[in-house]
């Protein structure tokens, strides 16, 4: 029988994430969406500079939230995951 607290067995529980990993994934997906849109707009025959600035602002806000995840408690991480999952869905539908 293996005990979970057995010191000879490495603890990989952090590798599986949880709320923190879900939040990080959701924020990363939103950042990626913004980055993709910025690149596409820049490649347009006549780039819309106002749209690029709006996209960059959205990406910057997501990056700021991503940085806060490092100190977020599980409840905050769960909230951020839900907010960003909804935001990604909204962005993809627009």
C-alpha atoms as a PDB file:
ATOM      1  CA  UNK A   1       0.000   0.000   0.000  1.00  0.00           C
ATOM      2  CA  UNK A   2       1.329   3.464  -0.951  1.00  0.00           C
ATOM      3  CA  UNK A   3       0.708   6.342   1.384  1.00  0.00           C
ATOM      4  CA  UNK A   4       0.091   9.754  -0.183  1.00  0.00           C
ATOM      5  CA  UNK A   5       2.475  11.307   2.289  1.00  0.00           C
ATOM      6  CA  UNK A   6       5.262   8.828   1.546  1.00  0.00           C
ATOM      7  CA  UNK A   7       8.460  10.944   1.296  1.00  0.00           C
ATOM      8  CA  UNK A   8       9.962   8.554  -1.268  1.00  0.00           C
ATOM      9  CA  UNK A   9       7.244   9.320  -3.803  1.00  0.00           C
ATOM     10  CA  UNK A  10       7.454  12.687  -5.570  1.00  0.00           C
ATOM     11  CA  UNK A  11       4.435  14.970  -5.252  1.00  0.00           C
ATOM     12  CA  UNK A  12       3.181  15.845  -8.725  1.00  0.00           C
ATOM     13  CA  UNK A  13      -0.181  17.219  -7.582  1.00  0.00           C
ATOM     14  CA  UNK A  14       0.731  20.747  -8.681  1.00  0.00           C
ATOM     15  CA  UNK A  15       1.213  19.543 -12.249  1.00  0.00           C
ATOM     16  CA  UNK A  16      -2.472  18.867 -12.614  1.00  0.00           C
ATOM     17  CA  UNK A  17      -3.451  22.495 -12.051  1.00  0.00           C
ATOM     18  CA  UNK A  18      -6.955  23.040 -10.876  1.00  0.00           C
ATOM     19  CA  UNK A  19      -8.624  26.414 -10.696  1.00  0.00           C
ATOM     20  CA  UNK A  20      -5.314  28.213 -11.080  1.00  0.00           C
ATOM     21  CA  UNK A  21      -4.446  26.270 -14.229  1.00  0.00           C
ATOM     22  CA  UNK A  22      -7.953  26.713 -15.649  1.00  0.00           C
ATOM     23  CA  UNK A  23      -7.682  30.458 -15.077  1.00  0.00           C
ATOM     24  CA  UNK A  24      -4.220  30.633 -16.631  1.00  0.00           C
ATOM     25  CA  UNK A  25      -5.434  28.670 -19.666  1.00  0.00           C
ATOM     26  CA  UNK A  26      -8.507  30.875 -20.092  1.00  0.00           C
ATOM     27  CA  UNK A  27      -6.506  34.104 -19.848  1.00  0.00           C
ATOM     28  CA  UNK A  28      -3.850  32.738 -22.209  1.00  0.00           C
ATOM     29  CA  UNK A  29      -6.539  31.852 -24.751  1.00  0.00           C
ATOM     30  CA  UNK A  30      -7.900  35.408 -24.630  1.00  0.00           C
ATOM     31  CA  UNK A  31      -4.396  36.881 -24.980  1.00  0.00           C
ATOM     32  CA  UNK A  32      -3.825  34.608 -27.975  1.00  0.00           C
ATOM     33  CA  UNK A  33      -7.122  35.722 -29.541  1.00  0.00           C
ATOM     34  CA  UNK A  34      -6.128  39.379 -29.198  1.00  0.00           C
ATOM     35  CA  UNK A  35      -2.635  38.722 -30.584  1.00  0.00           C
ATOM     36  CA  UNK A  36      -4.068  36.891 -33.585  1.00  0.00           C
ATOM     37  CA  UNK A  37      -6.512  39.712 -34.285  1.00  0.00           C
ATOM     38  CA  UNK A  38      -3.774  42.343 -33.987  1.00  0.00           C
ATOM     39  CA  UNK A  39      -1.575  40.439 -36.452  1.00  0.00           C
ATOM     40  CA  UNK A  40      -4.469  40.037 -38.897  1.00  0.00           C
ATOM     41  CA  UNK A  41      -5.351  43.723 -38.692  1.00  0.00           C
ATOM     42  CA  UNK A  42      -1.735  44.737 -39.265  1.00  0.00           C
ATOM     43  CA  UNK A  43      -1.644  42.555 -42.407  1.00  0.00           C
ATOM     44  CA  UNK A  44      -4.813  44.146 -43.791  1.00  0.00           C
ATOM     45  CA  UNK A  45      -4.377  46.247 -46.951  1.00  0.00           C
ATOM     46  CA  UNK A  46      -5.457  49.290 -44.923  1.00  0.00           C
ATOM     47  CA  UNK A  47      -4.967  48.530 -41.223  1.00  0.00           C
ATOM     48  CA  UNK A  48      -7.472  50.138 -38.863  1.00  0.00           C
ATOM     49  CA  UNK A  49      -5.174  51.796 -36.319  1.00  0.00           C
ATOM     50  CA  UNK A  50      -8.034  52.492 -33.903  1.00  0.00           C
ATOM     51  CA  UNK A  51      -8.997  48.802 -33.886  1.00  0.00           C
ATOM     52  CA  UNK A  52      -5.361  47.831 -33.374  1.00  0.00           C
ATOM     53  CA  UNK A  53      -5.158  50.133 -30.348  1.00  0.00           C
ATOM     54  CA  UNK A  54      -8.404  48.701 -28.923  1.00  0.00           C
ATOM     55  CA  UNK A  55      -7.116  45.170 -29.419  1.00  0.00           C
ATOM     56  CA  UNK A  56      -3.795  46.039 -27.803  1.00  0.00           C
ATOM     57  CA  UNK A  57      -5.604  47.545 -24.805  1.00  0.00           C
ATOM     58  CA  UNK A  58      -7.692  44.389 -24.411  1.00  0.00           C
ATOM     59  CA  UNK A  59      -4.605  42.227 -24.622  1.00  0.00           C
ATOM     60  CA  UNK A  60      -2.777  44.394 -22.085  1.00  0.00           C
ATOM     61  CA  UNK A  61      -5.697  44.108 -19.630  1.00  0.00           C
ATOM     62  CA  UNK A  62      -5.644  40.324 -20.007  1.00  0.00           C
ATOM     63  CA  UNK A  63      -1.886  40.254 -19.432  1.00  0.00           C
ATOM     64  CA  UNK A  64      -2.344  42.304 -16.254  1.00  0.00           C
ATOM     65  CA  UNK A  65      -4.935  39.811 -14.998  1.00  0.00           C
ATOM     66  CA  UNK A  66      -2.588  36.975 -15.935  1.00  0.00           C
ATOM     67  CA  UNK A  67       0.117  38.512 -13.744  1.00  0.00           C
ATOM     68  CA  UNK A  68      -2.307  38.692 -10.803  1.00  0.00           C
ATOM     69  CA  UNK A  69      -2.948  34.958 -11.018  1.00  0.00           C
ATOM     70  CA  UNK A  70       0.396  34.340  -9.335  1.00  0.00           C
ATOM     71  CA  UNK A  71      -1.063  35.555  -6.038  1.00  0.00           C
ATOM     72  CA  UNK A  72      -4.735  34.672  -6.538  1.00  0.00           C
ATOM     73  CA  UNK A  73      -6.448  32.398  -4.043  1.00  0.00           C
ATOM     74  CA  UNK A  74      -8.497  29.476  -5.401  1.00  0.00           C
ATOM     75  CA  UNK A  75     -11.773  31.420  -5.307  1.00  0.00           C
ATOM     76  CA  UNK A  76     -10.273  34.335  -7.237  1.00  0.00           C
ATOM     77  CA  UNK A  77      -8.706  31.943  -9.739  1.00  0.00           C
ATOM     78  CA  UNK A  78     -12.091  30.285 -10.253  1.00  0.00           C
ATOM     79  CA  UNK A  79     -13.711  33.686 -10.829  1.00  0.00           C
ATOM     80  CA  UNK A  80     -11.019  34.706 -13.320  1.00  0.00           C
ATOM     81  CA  UNK A  81     -11.399  31.392 -15.173  1.00  0.00           C
ATOM     82  CA  UNK A  82     -15.151  31.938 -15.496  1.00  0.00           C
ATOM     83  CA  UNK A  83     -14.791  35.571 -16.597  1.00  0.00           C
ATOM     84  CA  UNK A  84     -12.195  34.747 -19.237  1.00  0.00           C
ATOM     85  CA  UNK A  85     -14.027  31.694 -20.539  1.00  0.00           C
ATOM     86  CA  UNK A  86     -17.090  33.903 -21.059  1.00  0.00           C
ATOM     87  CA  UNK A  87     -14.974  36.655 -22.610  1.00  0.00           C
ATOM     88  CA  UNK A  88     -13.378  34.244 -25.082  1.00  0.00           C
ATOM     89  CA  UNK A  89     -16.780  32.945 -26.103  1.00  0.00           C
ATOM     90  CA  UNK A  90     -18.004  36.515 -26.607  1.00  0.00           C
ATOM     91  CA  UNK A  91     -14.915  37.492 -28.607  1.00  0.00           C
ATOM     92  CA  UNK A  92     -15.224  34.474 -30.887  1.00  0.00           C
ATOM     93  CA  UNK A  93     -18.885  35.251 -31.523  1.00  0.00           C
ATOM     94  CA  UNK A  94     -18.265  38.891 -32.412  1.00  0.00           C
END
